[in-house]
């Protein structure tokens, strides 16, 4: 029966720790922007071609 009390105390203290971490994260604005990470993957990044990435010195020699 003693182990049951120990398990209850451990689980309640762990729940309180997670609640405190959640409250700290919510106050710092961790959960404010929940839409843009899901939408960001839909937009393609611009792909640069080799000619765009060459230095101007190489283009002057041609």
PDB file of N, CA and C in Angstrom:
ATOM      1  N   UNK A   1       0.815  -1.194   0.000  1.00  0.00           N
ATOM      2  CA  UNK A   1       0.000   0.000   0.000  1.00  0.00           C
ATOM      3  C   UNK A   1       0.860   1.260   0.000  1.00  0.00           C
ATOM      4  N   UNK A   2       2.048   1.158   0.552  1.00  0.00           N
ATOM      5  CA  UNK A   2       2.945   2.311   0.581  1.00  0.00           C
ATOM      6  C   UNK A   2       3.398   2.703  -0.825  1.00  0.00           C
ATOM      7  N   UNK A   3       3.576   1.718  -1.683  1.00  0.00           N
ATOM      8  CA  UNK A   3       4.014   2.017  -3.045  1.00  0.00           C
ATOM      9  C   UNK A   3       2.929   2.785  -3.803  1.00  0.00           C
ATOM     10  N   UNK A   4       1.682   2.531  -3.456  1.00  0.00           N
ATOM     11  CA  UNK A   4       0.582   3.253  -4.090  1.00  0.00           C
ATOM     12  C   UNK A   4       0.652   4.735  -3.758  1.00  0.00           C
ATOM     13  N   UNK A   5       0.928   5.065  -2.523  1.00  0.00           N
ATOM     14  CA  UNK A   5       1.078   6.467  -2.127  1.00  0.00           C
ATOM     15  C   UNK A   5       2.274   7.110  -2.834  1.00  0.00           C
ATOM     16  N   UNK A   6       3.344   6.379  -2.937  1.00  0.00           N
ATOM     17  CA  UNK A   6       4.524   6.890  -3.627  1.00  0.00           C
ATOM     18  C   UNK A   6       4.221   7.139  -5.098  1.00  0.00           C
ATOM     19  N   UNK A   7       3.517   6.234  -5.731  1.00  0.00           N
ATOM     20  CA  UNK A   7       3.167   6.396  -7.145  1.00  0.00           C
ATOM     21  C   UNK A   7       2.227   7.585  -7.353  1.00  0.00           C
ATOM     22  N   UNK A   8       1.295   7.792  -6.455  1.00  0.00           N
ATOM     23  CA  UNK A   8       0.374   8.925  -6.565  1.00  0.00           C
ATOM     24  C   UNK A   8       1.141  10.233  -6.417  1.00  0.00           C
ATOM     25  N   UNK A   9       2.031  10.292  -5.448  1.00  0.00           N
ATOM     26  CA  UNK A   9       2.823  11.505  -5.237  1.00  0.00           C
ATOM     27  C   UNK A   9       3.706  11.787  -6.453  1.00  0.00           C
ATOM     28  N   UNK A  10       4.324  10.760  -7.003  1.00  0.00           N
ATOM     29  CA  UNK A  10       5.183  10.940  -8.184  1.00  0.00           C
ATOM     30  C   UNK A  10       4.383  11.410  -9.390  1.00  0.00           C
ATOM     31  N   UNK A  11       3.232  10.823  -9.623  1.00  0.00           N
ATOM     32  CA  UNK A  11       2.445  11.196 -10.798  1.00  0.00           C
ATOM     33  C   UNK A  11       1.869  12.609 -10.665  1.00  0.00           C
ATOM     34  N   UNK A  12       1.430  12.982  -9.477  1.00  0.00           N
ATOM     35  CA  UNK A  12       0.903  14.335  -9.282  1.00  0.00           C
ATOM     36  C   UNK A  12       2.015  15.364  -9.419  1.00  0.00           C
ATOM     37  N   UNK A  13       3.187  15.064  -8.870  1.00  0.00           N
ATOM     38  CA  UNK A  13       4.298  16.021  -8.987  1.00  0.00           C
ATOM     39  C   UNK A  13       4.758  16.143 -10.446  1.00  0.00           C
ATOM     40  N   UNK A  14       4.768  15.055 -11.182  1.00  0.00           N
ATOM     41  CA  UNK A  14       5.121  15.113 -12.595  1.00  0.00           C
ATOM     42  C   UNK A  14       4.084  15.919 -13.390  1.00  0.00           C
ATOM     43  N   UNK A  15       2.813  15.750 -13.060  1.00  0.00           N
ATOM     44  CA  UNK A  15       1.765  16.530 -13.721  1.00  0.00           C
ATOM     45  C   UNK A  15       1.910  18.018 -13.417  1.00  0.00           C
ATOM     46  N   UNK A  16       2.270  18.363 -12.198  1.00  0.00           N
ATOM     47  CA  UNK A  16       2.465  19.765 -11.834  1.00  0.00           C
ATOM     48  C   UNK A  16       3.661  20.345 -12.580  1.00  0.00           C
ATOM     49  N   UNK A  17       4.726  19.571 -12.728  1.00  0.00           N
ATOM     50  CA  UNK A  17       5.907  20.034 -13.470  1.00  0.00           C
ATOM     51  C   UNK A  17       5.541  20.318 -14.926  1.00  0.00           C
ATOM     52  N   UNK A  18       4.802  19.414 -15.556  1.00  0.00           N
ATOM     53  CA  UNK A  18       4.391  19.635 -16.943  1.00  0.00           C
ATOM     54  C   UNK A  18       3.443  20.823 -17.060  1.00  0.00           C
ATOM     55  N   UNK A  19       2.573  21.039 -16.076  1.00  0.00           N
ATOM     56  CA  UNK A  19       1.679  22.181 -16.102  1.00  0.00           C
ATOM     57  C   UNK A  19       2.462  23.485 -15.998  1.00  0.00           C
ATOM     58  N   UNK A  20       3.467  23.528 -15.152  1.00  0.00           N
ATOM     59  CA  UNK A  20       4.291  24.726 -15.009  1.00  0.00           C
ATOM     60  C   UNK A  20       5.050  25.007 -16.300  1.00  0.00           C
ATOM     61  N   UNK A  21       5.601  23.971 -16.917  1.00  0.00           N
ATOM     62  CA  UNK A  21       6.319  24.148 -18.185  1.00  0.00           C
ATOM     63  C   UNK A  21       5.367  24.652 -19.269  1.00  0.00           C
ATOM     64  N   UNK A  22       4.144  24.132 -19.302  1.00  0.00           N
ATOM     65  CA  UNK A  22       3.159  24.593 -20.278  1.00  0.00           C
ATOM     66  C   UNK A  22       2.800  26.054 -20.049  1.00  0.00           C
ATOM     67  N   UNK A  23       2.595  26.457 -18.814  1.00  0.00           N
ATOM     68  CA  UNK A  23       2.232  27.843 -18.511  1.00  0.00           C
ATOM     69  C   UNK A  23       3.368  28.790 -18.889  1.00  0.00           C
ATOM     70  N   UNK A  24       4.605  28.390 -18.604  1.00  0.00           N
ATOM     71  CA  UNK A  24       5.754  29.228 -18.976  1.00  0.00           C
ATOM     72  C   UNK A  24       5.824  29.380 -20.502  1.00  0.00           C
ATOM     73  N   UNK A  25       5.625  28.288 -21.229  1.00  0.00           N
ATOM     74  CA  UNK A  25       5.643  28.342 -22.683  1.00  0.00           C
ATOM     75  C   UNK A  25       4.517  29.190 -23.247  1.00  0.00           C
ATOM     76  N   UNK A  26       3.344  29.118 -22.649  1.00  0.00           N
ATOM     77  CA  UNK A  26       2.208  29.902 -23.124  1.00  0.00           C
ATOM     78  C   UNK A  26       2.429  31.386 -22.875  1.00  0.00           C
ATOM     79  N   UNK A  27       3.030  31.738 -21.762  1.00  0.00           N
ATOM     80  CA  UNK A  27       3.287  33.151 -21.466  1.00  0.00           C
ATOM     81  C   UNK A  27       4.361  33.739 -22.377  1.00  0.00           C
ATOM     82  N   UNK A  28       5.309  32.916 -22.805  1.00  0.00           N
ATOM     83  CA  UNK A  28       6.372  33.406 -23.684  1.00  0.00           C
ATOM     84  C   UNK A  28       5.954  33.427 -25.149  1.00  0.00           C
ATOM     85  N   UNK A  29       4.738  32.971 -25.463  1.00  0.00           N
ATOM     86  CA  UNK A  29       4.236  33.039 -26.834  1.00  0.00           C
ATOM     87  C   UNK A  29       4.606  31.840 -27.683  1.00  0.00           C
ATOM     88  N   UNK A  30       4.897  30.732 -27.081  1.00  0.00           N
ATOM     89  CA  UNK A  30       5.305  29.542 -27.818  1.00  0.00           C
ATOM     90  C   UNK A  30       4.184  28.996 -28.695  1.00  0.00           C
ATOM     91  N   UNK A  31       2.937  29.165 -28.302  1.00  0.00           N
ATOM     92  CA  UNK A  31       1.815  28.539 -28.993  1.00  0.00           C
ATOM     93  C   UNK A  31       0.967  29.532 -29.768  1.00  0.00           C
ATOM     94  N   UNK A  32       1.473  30.736 -30.024  1.00  0.00           N
ATOM     95  CA  UNK A  32       0.671  31.748 -30.699  1.00  0.00           C
ATOM     96  C   UNK A  32       0.543  31.504 -32.198  1.00  0.00           C
ATOM     97  N   UNK A  33       1.598  31.082 -32.873  1.00  0.00           N
ATOM     98  CA  UNK A  33       1.570  30.914 -34.322  1.00  0.00           C
ATOM     99  C   UNK A  33       1.501  29.431 -34.652  1.00  0.00           C
ATOM    100  N   UNK A  34       0.296  28.916 -34.766  1.00  0.00           N
ATOM    101  CA  UNK A  34       0.155  27.490 -35.029  1.00  0.00           C
ATOM    102  C   UNK A  34      -0.227  27.183 -36.473  1.00  0.00           C
ATOM    103  N   UNK A  35      -0.485  28.210 -37.288  1.00  0.00           N
ATOM    104  CA  UNK A  35      -0.895  27.950 -38.663  1.00  0.00           C
ATOM    105  C   UNK A  35       0.254  28.015 -39.656  1.00  0.00           C
ATOM    106  N   UNK A  36       1.173  28.943 -39.496  1.00  0.00           N
ATOM    107  CA  UNK A  36       2.189  29.139 -40.527  1.00  0.00           C
ATOM    108  C   UNK A  36       3.157  27.963 -40.687  1.00  0.00           C
ATOM    109  N   UNK A  37       3.551  27.217 -39.635  1.00  0.00           N
ATOM    110  CA  UNK A  37       4.425  26.078 -39.911  1.00  0.00           C
ATOM    111  C   UNK A  37       3.771  25.011 -40.796  1.00  0.00           C
ATOM    112  N   UNK A  38       2.461  24.853 -40.675  1.00  0.00           N
ATOM    113  CA  UNK A  38       1.772  23.870 -41.507  1.00  0.00           C
ATOM    114  C   UNK A  38       1.632  24.349 -42.944  1.00  0.00           C
ATOM    115  N   UNK A  39       1.532  25.654 -43.151  1.00  0.00           N
ATOM    116  CA  UNK A  39       1.351  26.205 -44.487  1.00  0.00           C
ATOM    117  C   UNK A  39       2.693  26.446 -45.166  1.00  0.00           C
ATOM    118  N   UNK A  40       3.746  26.653 -44.387  1.00  0.00           N
ATOM    119  CA  UNK A  40       5.060  26.991 -44.937  1.00  0.00           C
ATOM    120  C   UNK A  40       5.586  25.917 -45.881  1.00  0.00           C
ATOM    121  N   UNK A  41       5.259  24.659 -45.623  1.00  0.00           N
ATOM    122  CA  UNK A  41       5.761  23.571 -46.468  1.00  0.00           C
ATOM    123  C   UNK A  41       5.125  23.599 -47.856  1.00  0.00           C
ATOM    124  N   UNK A  42       3.982  24.244 -48.001  1.00  0.00           N
ATOM    125  CA  UNK A  42       3.306  24.282 -49.292  1.00  0.00           C
ATOM    126  C   UNK A  42       3.956  25.245 -50.277  1.00  0.00           C
ATOM    127  N   UNK A  43       4.699  26.226 -49.776  1.00  0.00           N
ATOM    128  CA  UNK A  43       5.344  27.192 -50.646  1.00  0.00           C
ATOM    129  C   UNK A  43       6.725  26.694 -51.047  1.00  0.00           C
ATOM    130  N   UNK A  44       7.008  26.756 -52.335  1.00  0.00           N
ATOM    131  CA  UNK A  44       8.306  26.309 -52.822  1.00  0.00           C
ATOM    132  C   UNK A  44       9.336  27.422 -52.669  1.00  0.00           C
ATOM    133  N   UNK A  45      10.537  27.051 -52.312  1.00  0.00           N
ATOM    134  CA  UNK A  45      11.623  28.018 -52.283  1.00  0.00           C
ATOM    135  C   UNK A  45      12.100  28.257 -53.711  1.00  0.00           C
ATOM    136  N   UNK A  46      12.625  29.447 -53.950  1.00  0.00           N
ATOM    137  CA  UNK A  46      13.142  29.740 -55.268  1.00  0.00           C
ATOM    138  C   UNK A  46      14.424  28.952 -55.500  1.00  0.00           C
ATOM    139  N   UNK A  47      14.483  28.285 -56.622  1.00  0.00           N
ATOM    140  CA  UNK A  47      15.661  27.501 -56.967  1.00  0.00           C
ATOM    141  C   UNK A  47      16.556  28.355 -57.845  1.00  0.00           C
ATOM    142  N   UNK A  48      17.789  28.549 -57.425  1.00  0.00           N
ATOM    143  CA  UNK A  48      18.722  29.355 -58.202  1.00  0.00           C
ATOM    144  C   UNK A  48      19.445  28.466 -59.200  1.00  0.00           C
ATOM    145  N   UNK A  49      19.560  28.945 -60.411  1.00  0.00           N
ATOM    146  CA  UNK A  49      20.283  28.188 -61.417  1.00  0.00           C
ATOM    147  C   UNK A  49      21.772  28.463 -61.284  1.00  0.00           C
ATOM    148  N   UNK A  50      22.561  27.707 -62.018  1.00  0.00           N
ATOM    149  CA  UNK A  50      24.018  27.860 -61.926  1.00  0.00           C
ATOM    150  C   UNK A  50      24.470  29.227 -62.423  1.00  0.00           C
ATOM    151  N   UNK A  51      23.819  29.761 -63.444  1.00  0.00           N
ATOM    152  CA  UNK A  51      24.225  31.056 -63.975  1.00  0.00           C
ATOM    153  C   UNK A  51      23.967  32.173 -62.973  1.00  0.00           C
ATOM    154  N   UNK A  52      22.919  32.057 -62.184  1.00  0.00           N
ATOM    155  CA  UNK A  52      22.631  33.073 -61.181  1.00  0.00           C
ATOM    156  C   UNK A  52      23.612  33.013 -60.025  1.00  0.00           C
ATOM    157  N   UNK A  53      24.149  31.835 -59.742  1.00  0.00           N
ATOM    158  CA  UNK A  53      25.042  31.686 -58.600  1.00  0.00           C
ATOM    159  C   UNK A  53      26.490  31.981 -58.945  1.00  0.00           C
ATOM    160  N   UNK A  54      26.808  32.122 -60.250  1.00  0.00           N
ATOM    161  CA  UNK A  54      28.185  32.432 -60.632  1.00  0.00           C
ATOM    162  C   UNK A  54      28.551  33.838 -60.191  1.00  0.00           C
ATOM    163  N   UNK A  55      29.814  34.040 -59.960  1.00  0.00           N
ATOM    164  CA  UNK A  55      30.273  35.369 -59.562  1.00  0.00           C
ATOM    165  C   UNK A  55      30.307  36.280 -60.777  1.00  0.00           C
ATOM    166  N   UNK A  56      30.205  37.584 -60.597  1.00  0.00           N
ATOM    167  CA  UNK A  56      30.241  38.517 -61.735  1.00  0.00           C
ATOM    168  C   UNK A  56      31.564  38.465 -62.497  1.00  0.00           C
ATOM    169  N   UNK A  57      32.632  38.081 -61.853  1.00  0.00           N
ATOM    170  CA  UNK A  57      33.926  38.004 -62.528  1.00  0.00           C
ATOM    171  C   UNK A  57      33.905  36.972 -63.647  1.00  0.00           C
ATOM    172  N   UNK A  58      33.253  35.851 -63.404  1.00  0.00           N
ATOM    173  CA  UNK A  58      33.156  34.815 -64.436  1.00  0.00           C
ATOM    174  C   UNK A  58      32.313  35.289 -65.607  1.00  0.00           C
ATOM    175  N   UNK A  59      31.259  36.046 -65.338  1.00  0.00           N
ATOM    176  CA  UNK A  59      30.391  36.540 -66.397  1.00  0.00           C
ATOM    177  C   UNK A  59      31.087  37.601 -67.240  1.00  0.00           C
ATOM    178  N   UNK A  60      31.995  38.371 -66.653  1.00  0.00           N
ATOM    179  CA  UNK A  60      32.720  39.399 -67.399  1.00  0.00           C
ATOM    180  C   UNK A  60      33.711  38.789 -68.385  1.00  0.00           C
ATOM    181  N   UNK A  61      34.274  37.639 -68.071  1.00  0.00           N
ATOM    182  CA  UNK A  61      35.276  37.002 -68.931  1.00  0.00           C
ATOM    183  C   UNK A  61      34.644  36.418 -70.177  1.00  0.00           C
ATOM    184  N   UNK A  62      33.361  36.114 -70.149  1.00  0.00           N
ATOM    185  CA  UNK A  62      32.707  35.482 -71.295  1.00  0.00           C
ATOM    186  C   UNK A  62      32.413  36.420 -72.381  1.00  0.00           C
TER     187      UNK A  62
END
